[in-house]
Amino acid sequence: MKAHRIETKLTKNGTLILEDLPLQSGEAVEILILERSSQPSDSNPYPLQGKVIHYNEPIEPVP
């Protein structure tokens, strides 16, 4: 099964329109809808990058 990614928005009445699909007429498809997160796209994907890490007892065994 091949996957095709298409990003679109719902219309005001909640209708989803998919146009220009790379498929033949009559082909069977499976639809999976994922909701996009509302986080801003400029958020840092690595929030701990550059932060200092400190280990209190680095050689102590873990219980």
N, C-alpha and C. Protein backbone atom coordinates (compact mmCIF):
# COMPACT_ATOMS: atom_id res chain seq x y z
N MET A 1 0.85 -1.17 0.00
CA MET A 1 0.00 0.00 0.00
C MET A 1 0.90 1.23 0.00
N LYS A 2 0.64 2.16 -0.90
CA LYS A 2 1.39 3.41 -0.96
C LYS A 2 0.69 4.47 -0.13
N ALA A 3 1.45 5.39 0.43
CA ALA A 3 0.89 6.48 1.23
C ALA A 3 1.11 7.79 0.49
N HIS A 4 0.12 8.65 0.52
CA HIS A 4 0.20 9.98 -0.09
C HIS A 4 -0.18 10.98 0.98
N ARG A 5 0.64 12.00 1.15
CA ARG A 5 0.38 13.02 2.17
C ARG A 5 -0.22 14.26 1.50
N ILE A 6 -1.35 14.69 2.00
CA ILE A 6 -2.01 15.88 1.50
C ILE A 6 -2.45 16.70 2.71
N GLU A 7 -2.07 17.96 2.74
CA GLU A 7 -2.49 18.84 3.83
C GLU A 7 -3.56 19.77 3.30
N THR A 8 -4.65 19.88 4.03
CA THR A 8 -5.76 20.73 3.64
C THR A 8 -6.50 21.18 4.88
N LYS A 9 -7.46 22.05 4.71
CA LYS A 9 -8.28 22.52 5.83
C LYS A 9 -9.74 22.21 5.55
N LEU A 10 -10.49 22.02 6.62
CA LEU A 10 -11.92 21.80 6.50
C LEU A 10 -12.60 23.10 6.10
N THR A 11 -13.71 22.99 5.37
CA THR A 11 -14.49 24.17 5.05
C THR A 11 -15.28 24.58 6.28
N LYS A 12 -15.96 25.71 6.20
CA LYS A 12 -16.72 26.22 7.35
C LYS A 12 -17.78 25.24 7.84
N ASN A 13 -18.36 24.46 6.93
CA ASN A 13 -19.39 23.51 7.35
C ASN A 13 -18.82 22.13 7.69
N GLY A 14 -17.49 22.02 7.78
CA GLY A 14 -16.87 20.76 8.18
C GLY A 14 -16.63 19.77 7.06
N THR A 15 -16.74 20.22 5.83
CA THR A 15 -16.51 19.34 4.68
C THR A 15 -15.03 19.30 4.34
N LEU A 16 -14.55 18.11 4.00
CA LEU A 16 -13.16 17.93 3.60
C LEU A 16 -13.13 17.66 2.10
N ILE A 17 -12.36 18.46 1.36
CA ILE A 17 -12.28 18.30 -0.09
C ILE A 17 -10.86 17.91 -0.45
N LEU A 18 -10.71 16.80 -1.16
CA LEU A 18 -9.40 16.32 -1.63
C LEU A 18 -9.39 16.41 -3.14
N GLU A 19 -8.48 17.19 -3.69
CA GLU A 19 -8.40 17.38 -5.13
C GLU A 19 -7.04 16.96 -5.65
N ASP A 20 -6.99 16.61 -6.93
CA ASP A 20 -5.74 16.26 -7.62
C ASP A 20 -5.01 15.09 -6.96
N LEU A 21 -5.75 14.06 -6.59
CA LEU A 21 -5.15 12.88 -5.98
C LEU A 21 -4.41 12.07 -7.05
N PRO A 22 -3.27 11.49 -6.72
CA PRO A 22 -2.50 10.71 -7.69
C PRO A 22 -3.01 9.27 -7.81
N LEU A 23 -4.32 9.12 -8.02
CA LEU A 23 -4.95 7.80 -8.09
C LEU A 23 -5.84 7.72 -9.32
N GLN A 24 -6.16 6.50 -9.71
CA GLN A 24 -7.05 6.27 -10.84
C GLN A 24 -8.49 6.25 -10.36
N SER A 25 -9.39 6.62 -11.23
CA SER A 25 -10.82 6.58 -10.93
C SER A 25 -11.24 5.15 -10.60
N GLY A 26 -11.99 4.98 -9.52
CA GLY A 26 -12.48 3.66 -9.13
C GLY A 26 -11.54 2.89 -8.22
N GLU A 27 -10.36 3.42 -7.95
CA GLU A 27 -9.41 2.75 -7.07
C GLU A 27 -9.91 2.77 -5.63
N ALA A 28 -9.74 1.67 -4.91
CA ALA A 28 -10.13 1.60 -3.50
C ALA A 28 -9.06 2.30 -2.66
N VAL A 29 -9.49 3.08 -1.67
CA VAL A 29 -8.56 3.80 -0.80
C VAL A 29 -8.97 3.64 0.65
N GLU A 30 -8.04 3.86 1.55
CA GLU A 30 -8.30 3.89 2.98
C GLU A 30 -7.95 5.29 3.46
N ILE A 31 -8.82 5.92 4.22
CA ILE A 31 -8.61 7.30 4.66
C ILE A 31 -8.29 7.30 6.15
N LEU A 32 -7.22 7.98 6.53
CA LEU A 32 -6.82 8.17 7.92
C LEU A 32 -6.65 9.67 8.12
N ILE A 33 -7.37 10.24 9.08
CA ILE A 33 -7.33 11.68 9.30
C ILE A 33 -6.62 11.97 10.62
N LEU A 34 -5.57 12.79 10.56
CA LEU A 34 -4.81 13.17 11.73
C LEU A 34 -4.99 14.67 11.95
N GLU A 35 -5.31 15.06 13.17
CA GLU A 35 -5.48 16.47 13.50
C GLU A 35 -4.11 17.09 13.74
N ARG A 36 -3.85 18.23 13.12
CA ARG A 36 -2.59 18.92 13.33
C ARG A 36 -2.57 19.55 14.70
N SER A 37 -1.41 19.58 15.33
CA SER A 37 -1.31 20.22 16.64
C SER A 37 -1.41 21.73 16.45
N SER A 38 -1.84 22.41 17.49
CA SER A 38 -2.01 23.85 17.39
C SER A 38 -0.76 24.61 17.84
N GLN A 39 0.37 23.91 17.97
CA GLN A 39 1.61 24.56 18.36
C GLN A 39 2.12 25.42 17.20
N PRO A 40 2.71 26.56 17.50
CA PRO A 40 3.29 27.37 16.44
C PRO A 40 4.42 26.62 15.75
N SER A 41 4.56 26.79 14.47
CA SER A 41 5.57 26.05 13.71
C SER A 41 6.99 26.52 14.03
N ASP A 42 7.15 27.69 14.66
CA ASP A 42 8.48 28.17 14.99
C ASP A 42 8.95 27.71 16.37
N SER A 43 8.19 26.80 17.03
CA SER A 43 8.62 26.31 18.33
C SER A 43 9.88 25.45 18.17
N ASN A 44 10.72 25.46 19.17
CA ASN A 44 12.00 24.77 19.13
C ASN A 44 11.78 23.26 19.24
N PRO A 45 12.20 22.46 18.25
CA PRO A 45 12.04 21.01 18.35
C PRO A 45 13.02 20.38 19.34
N TYR A 46 14.03 21.13 19.78
CA TYR A 46 15.03 20.64 20.73
C TYR A 46 15.07 21.59 21.93
N PRO A 47 14.08 21.54 22.81
CA PRO A 47 14.01 22.51 23.90
C PRO A 47 15.14 22.39 24.93
N LEU A 48 15.82 21.25 25.00
CA LEU A 48 16.90 21.09 25.99
C LEU A 48 18.28 21.34 25.39
N GLN A 49 18.34 21.67 24.10
CA GLN A 49 19.63 21.91 23.46
C GLN A 49 20.32 23.11 24.11
N GLY A 50 21.58 22.93 24.48
CA GLY A 50 22.35 24.00 25.11
C GLY A 50 22.14 24.11 26.61
N LYS A 51 21.29 23.30 27.20
CA LYS A 51 21.05 23.34 28.65
C LYS A 51 22.11 22.52 29.36
N VAL A 52 22.46 22.93 30.55
CA VAL A 52 23.46 22.23 31.35
C VAL A 52 22.81 21.04 32.03
N ILE A 53 23.45 19.87 31.91
CA ILE A 53 22.96 18.66 32.57
C ILE A 53 23.89 18.37 33.74
N HIS A 54 23.30 18.14 34.92
CA HIS A 54 24.09 17.87 36.11
C HIS A 54 23.61 16.56 36.74
N TYR A 55 24.56 15.67 37.00
CA TYR A 55 24.24 14.41 37.66
C TYR A 55 24.72 14.50 39.11
N ASN A 56 23.83 14.27 40.07
CA ASN A 56 24.18 14.36 41.48
C ASN A 56 25.15 13.25 41.88
N GLU A 57 24.83 12.03 41.54
CA GLU A 57 25.68 10.88 41.88
C GLU A 57 25.76 9.99 40.64
N PRO A 58 26.62 10.31 39.70
CA PRO A 58 26.62 9.62 38.41
C PRO A 58 27.04 8.15 38.46
N ILE A 59 27.76 7.72 39.48
CA ILE A 59 28.22 6.33 39.50
C ILE A 59 27.44 5.46 40.50
N GLU A 60 26.42 6.03 41.13
CA GLU A 60 25.60 5.25 42.06
C GLU A 60 24.68 4.31 41.27
N PRO A 61 24.47 3.07 41.79
CA PRO A 61 23.57 2.14 41.09
C PRO A 61 22.12 2.60 41.15
N VAL A 62 21.37 2.23 40.14
CA VAL A 62 19.95 2.55 40.07
C VAL A 62 19.19 1.43 40.76
N PRO A 63 18.24 1.74 41.66
CA PRO A 63 17.53 0.68 42.38
C PRO A 63 16.65 -0.14 41.45
